[in-house]
């Protein structure tokens, strides 16, 4: 929107495994791909990275779920970026407050995203990324029956990813299109053993 503020609109699609297969032959089948979540994000830049090699911003994001059994959430936290020649690192710790859930479990989680990247060329960027959550800080919220029986589910995953980026236009009319493909491995029993990440980002 400006040099100090940017926004993003996101959607989440999910294809879940069938809960109650009708036969043994259908035990590995998946349901149809469905729209699960809408998100609106804003980032305010406090310190631009191009001035000192270190940047600081604040992120706020509202996530609205279309799944009746899930809760909406509000995410808030800093973004720290460090750049040295072709190397860069981004740290994004955040607090996640849940509300409006069917089970009234208004818990507070901690989440993190980390990226260590190397700019191979003007078009290619390779990176190691890690994402995770620590569930229910300070015993917050009201755990439902499932949480009482099985506990909370901290998630941690890490893996390589490659981005292809291409710039269009000049000056104020410049825009950028970026594609990313990566594969992440789970670091604990609660996390899926493998996660494929596909991303498309257009900045203008």
Protein backbone atom coordinates (compact mmCIF):
# COMPACT_ATOMS: atom_id res chain seq x y z
CA UNK A 1 0.00 0.00 0.00
CA UNK A 2 2.89 2.34 0.91
CA UNK A 3 6.64 1.92 1.44
CA UNK A 4 5.90 1.35 5.15
CA UNK A 5 2.72 -0.73 5.00
CA UNK A 6 1.77 -3.82 3.03
CA UNK A 7 -1.25 -6.11 3.16
CA UNK A 8 -2.03 -9.65 2.03
CA UNK A 9 -5.20 -11.66 1.49
CA UNK A 10 -4.85 -15.42 1.81
CA UNK A 11 -6.98 -18.52 1.36
CA UNK A 12 -6.41 -22.05 2.67
CA UNK A 13 -7.58 -25.14 0.83
CA UNK A 14 -7.47 -28.54 2.52
CA UNK A 15 -8.05 -32.10 1.43
CA UNK A 16 -8.51 -34.35 4.46
CA UNK A 17 -8.40 -38.11 4.75
CA UNK A 18 -11.83 -39.79 4.97
CA UNK A 19 -12.82 -40.16 8.66
CA UNK A 20 -15.14 -43.13 8.27
CA UNK A 21 -14.18 -45.23 5.23
CA UNK A 22 -16.93 -47.53 4.03
CA UNK A 23 -14.49 -50.41 3.48
CA UNK A 24 -10.84 -51.41 3.95
CA UNK A 25 -10.23 -50.53 0.30
CA UNK A 26 -11.27 -46.91 1.02
CA UNK A 27 -9.15 -46.45 4.16
CA UNK A 28 -6.59 -44.24 2.37
CA UNK A 29 -9.09 -42.18 0.38
CA UNK A 30 -9.36 -38.40 0.71
CA UNK A 31 -12.34 -36.07 0.74
CA UNK A 32 -12.71 -33.41 -1.96
CA UNK A 33 -10.60 -30.24 -1.81
CA UNK A 34 -12.45 -27.62 0.25
CA UNK A 35 -11.99 -23.95 1.19
CA UNK A 36 -11.07 -23.94 4.89
CA UNK A 37 -9.88 -20.46 5.85
CA UNK A 38 -9.66 -16.81 4.79
CA UNK A 39 -6.98 -14.48 6.14
CA UNK A 40 -6.23 -10.75 6.02
CA UNK A 41 -2.73 -9.65 7.00
CA UNK A 42 -1.05 -6.27 7.51
CA UNK A 43 2.65 -5.53 8.02
CA UNK A 44 3.93 -2.15 9.25
CA UNK A 45 7.64 -1.50 8.61
CA UNK A 46 9.33 0.24 11.55
CA UNK A 47 12.90 -0.04 10.21
CA UNK A 48 13.49 -0.70 6.48
CA UNK A 49 16.10 -3.41 5.92
CA UNK A 50 17.84 -1.54 3.06
CA UNK A 51 19.09 1.22 5.39
CA UNK A 52 21.19 -0.80 7.88
CA UNK A 53 21.01 -4.43 6.78
CA UNK A 54 18.61 -5.10 9.66
CA UNK A 55 14.87 -4.55 9.33
CA UNK A 56 12.03 -4.57 11.85
CA UNK A 57 8.30 -4.78 11.26
CA UNK A 58 5.07 -5.63 13.05
CA UNK A 59 2.62 -8.22 11.70
CA UNK A 60 -1.08 -8.49 12.47
CA UNK A 61 -3.34 -11.09 10.84
CA UNK A 62 -6.98 -12.06 11.23
CA UNK A 63 -7.85 -15.62 10.23
CA UNK A 64 -11.50 -16.51 9.63
CA UNK A 65 -12.35 -20.20 9.47
CA UNK A 66 -15.20 -21.69 7.45
CA UNK A 67 -15.02 -24.93 9.45
CA UNK A 68 -17.72 -25.05 12.17
CA UNK A 69 -15.53 -27.05 14.53
CA UNK A 70 -12.56 -24.64 14.28
CA UNK A 71 -11.97 -21.20 15.87
CA UNK A 72 -11.08 -17.84 14.35
CA UNK A 73 -7.72 -16.40 15.37
CA UNK A 74 -5.74 -13.18 15.64
CA UNK A 75 -1.97 -13.28 15.09
CA UNK A 76 0.40 -10.53 16.30
CA UNK A 77 4.19 -10.34 16.44
CA UNK A 78 7.42 -8.78 15.15
CA UNK A 79 9.28 -9.59 11.94
CA UNK A 80 13.07 -9.27 12.06
CA UNK A 81 15.06 -9.43 8.81
CA UNK A 82 18.86 -9.43 8.48
CA UNK A 83 20.68 -9.14 5.14
CA UNK A 84 24.39 -9.53 4.38
CA UNK A 85 25.31 -9.55 0.69
CA UNK A 86 23.54 -12.65 -0.74
CA UNK A 87 22.54 -14.11 2.63
CA UNK A 88 19.38 -13.21 4.53
CA UNK A 89 17.49 -14.37 7.60
CA UNK A 90 13.90 -13.69 8.62
CA UNK A 91 12.51 -14.38 12.12
CA UNK A 92 8.79 -14.12 12.81
CA UNK A 93 7.71 -15.12 16.34
CA UNK A 94 4.06 -14.42 17.13
CA UNK A 95 1.23 -14.87 19.61
CA UNK A 96 -1.97 -16.49 18.32
CA UNK A 97 -5.24 -15.78 20.15
CA UNK A 98 -8.19 -18.06 19.30
CA UNK A 99 -11.86 -17.08 19.70
CA UNK A 100 -15.39 -17.85 18.45
CA UNK A 101 -14.72 -21.59 18.50
CA UNK A 102 -17.48 -24.15 18.89
CA UNK A 103 -15.85 -25.47 22.10
CA UNK A 104 -15.17 -21.96 23.50
CA UNK A 105 -11.49 -22.81 23.89
CA UNK A 106 -10.05 -19.27 23.64
CA UNK A 107 -6.47 -20.43 24.05
CA UNK A 108 -3.26 -18.47 23.39
CA UNK A 109 -0.53 -20.17 21.32
CA UNK A 110 3.03 -19.22 20.34
CA UNK A 111 4.03 -19.64 16.69
CA UNK A 112 7.24 -19.09 14.77
CA UNK A 113 8.51 -18.92 11.19
CA UNK A 114 12.23 -18.85 10.32
CA UNK A 115 13.92 -18.53 6.94
CA UNK A 116 17.65 -18.68 6.16
CA UNK A 117 18.12 -17.88 2.47
CA UNK A 118 20.81 -17.49 -0.18
CA UNK A 119 20.27 -15.46 -3.36
CA UNK A 120 21.74 -17.63 -6.13
CA UNK A 121 20.87 -15.15 -8.91
CA UNK A 122 18.38 -12.40 -9.63
CA UNK A 123 15.80 -15.09 -10.38
CA UNK A 124 16.60 -17.89 -7.90
CA UNK A 125 16.55 -17.97 -4.11
CA UNK A 126 17.17 -21.16 -2.08
CA UNK A 127 16.35 -21.40 1.60
CA UNK A 128 15.86 -23.52 4.69
CA UNK A 129 12.61 -22.74 6.47
CA UNK A 130 11.11 -23.84 9.76
CA UNK A 131 7.56 -23.41 11.05
CA UNK A 132 5.96 -24.40 14.31
CA UNK A 133 3.59 -23.77 17.18
CA UNK A 134 3.68 -24.26 20.94
CA UNK A 135 0.14 -24.92 22.11
CA UNK A 136 -1.72 -23.27 24.99
CA UNK A 137 0.61 -20.82 26.73
CA UNK A 138 0.12 -20.48 30.46
CA UNK A 139 -2.68 -23.08 30.51
CA UNK A 140 -4.87 -20.58 28.65
CA UNK A 141 -8.35 -21.34 27.33
CA UNK A 142 -10.75 -24.12 28.26
CA UNK A 143 -9.48 -27.46 26.88
CA UNK A 144 -12.21 -29.60 25.33
CA UNK A 145 -12.59 -33.34 25.80
CA UNK A 146 -10.12 -34.16 23.01
CA UNK A 147 -7.42 -31.91 24.50
CA UNK A 148 -8.07 -33.35 27.97
CA UNK A 149 -7.70 -36.92 26.70
CA UNK A 150 -4.82 -36.55 24.24
CA UNK A 151 -3.11 -33.32 25.30
CA UNK A 152 -2.18 -30.39 23.11
CA UNK A 153 -0.35 -30.74 19.82
CA UNK A 154 2.86 -28.78 19.38
CA UNK A 155 3.91 -28.78 15.71
CA UNK A 156 7.45 -28.36 14.32
CA UNK A 157 8.61 -28.80 10.70
CA UNK A 158 11.74 -27.84 8.75
CA UNK A 159 12.96 -28.26 5.18
CA UNK A 160 14.47 -26.81 1.99
CA UNK A 161 12.60 -24.63 -0.48
CA UNK A 162 13.47 -22.93 -3.78
CA UNK A 163 11.91 -19.70 -5.08
CA UNK A 164 11.85 -18.39 -8.64
CA UNK A 165 11.19 -14.65 -8.87
CA UNK A 166 10.78 -12.32 -11.83
CA UNK A 167 10.39 -8.52 -11.82
CA UNK A 168 8.26 -6.52 -14.25
CA UNK A 169 8.24 -2.81 -15.05
CA UNK A 170 10.39 0.02 -13.70
CA UNK A 171 10.30 2.50 -10.85
CA UNK A 172 6.90 2.97 -9.19
CA UNK A 173 5.27 0.62 -11.70
CA UNK A 174 7.58 -2.27 -10.77
CA UNK A 175 6.01 -5.57 -9.67
CA UNK A 176 7.32 -9.03 -8.80
CA UNK A 177 5.99 -12.56 -9.26
CA UNK A 178 7.44 -15.35 -7.11
CA UNK A 179 6.89 -19.13 -7.15
CA UNK A 180 8.10 -21.42 -4.37
CA UNK A 181 8.32 -25.19 -3.96
CA UNK A 182 9.61 -26.96 -0.86
CA UNK A 183 9.35 -30.11 1.25
CA UNK A 184 9.34 -30.16 5.06
CA UNK A 185 9.87 -33.01 7.53
CA UNK A 186 8.13 -33.21 10.89
CA UNK A 187 10.32 -32.95 13.99
CA UNK A 188 7.94 -34.56 16.48
CA UNK A 189 5.20 -37.20 16.58
CA UNK A 190 2.39 -34.62 16.39
CA UNK A 191 3.59 -33.24 13.04
CA UNK A 192 3.03 -34.90 9.67
CA UNK A 193 6.16 -36.75 8.55
CA UNK A 194 6.14 -34.86 5.23
CA UNK A 195 4.61 -31.55 4.11
CA UNK A 196 4.73 -30.11 0.59
CA UNK A 197 4.72 -26.31 0.32
CA UNK A 198 3.64 -24.55 -2.88
CA UNK A 199 3.45 -20.75 -2.91
CA UNK A 200 2.62 -18.05 -5.45
CA UNK A 201 3.17 -14.41 -4.49
CA UNK A 202 2.59 -11.28 -6.55
CA UNK A 203 3.81 -7.91 -5.28
CA UNK A 204 2.82 -4.67 -6.97
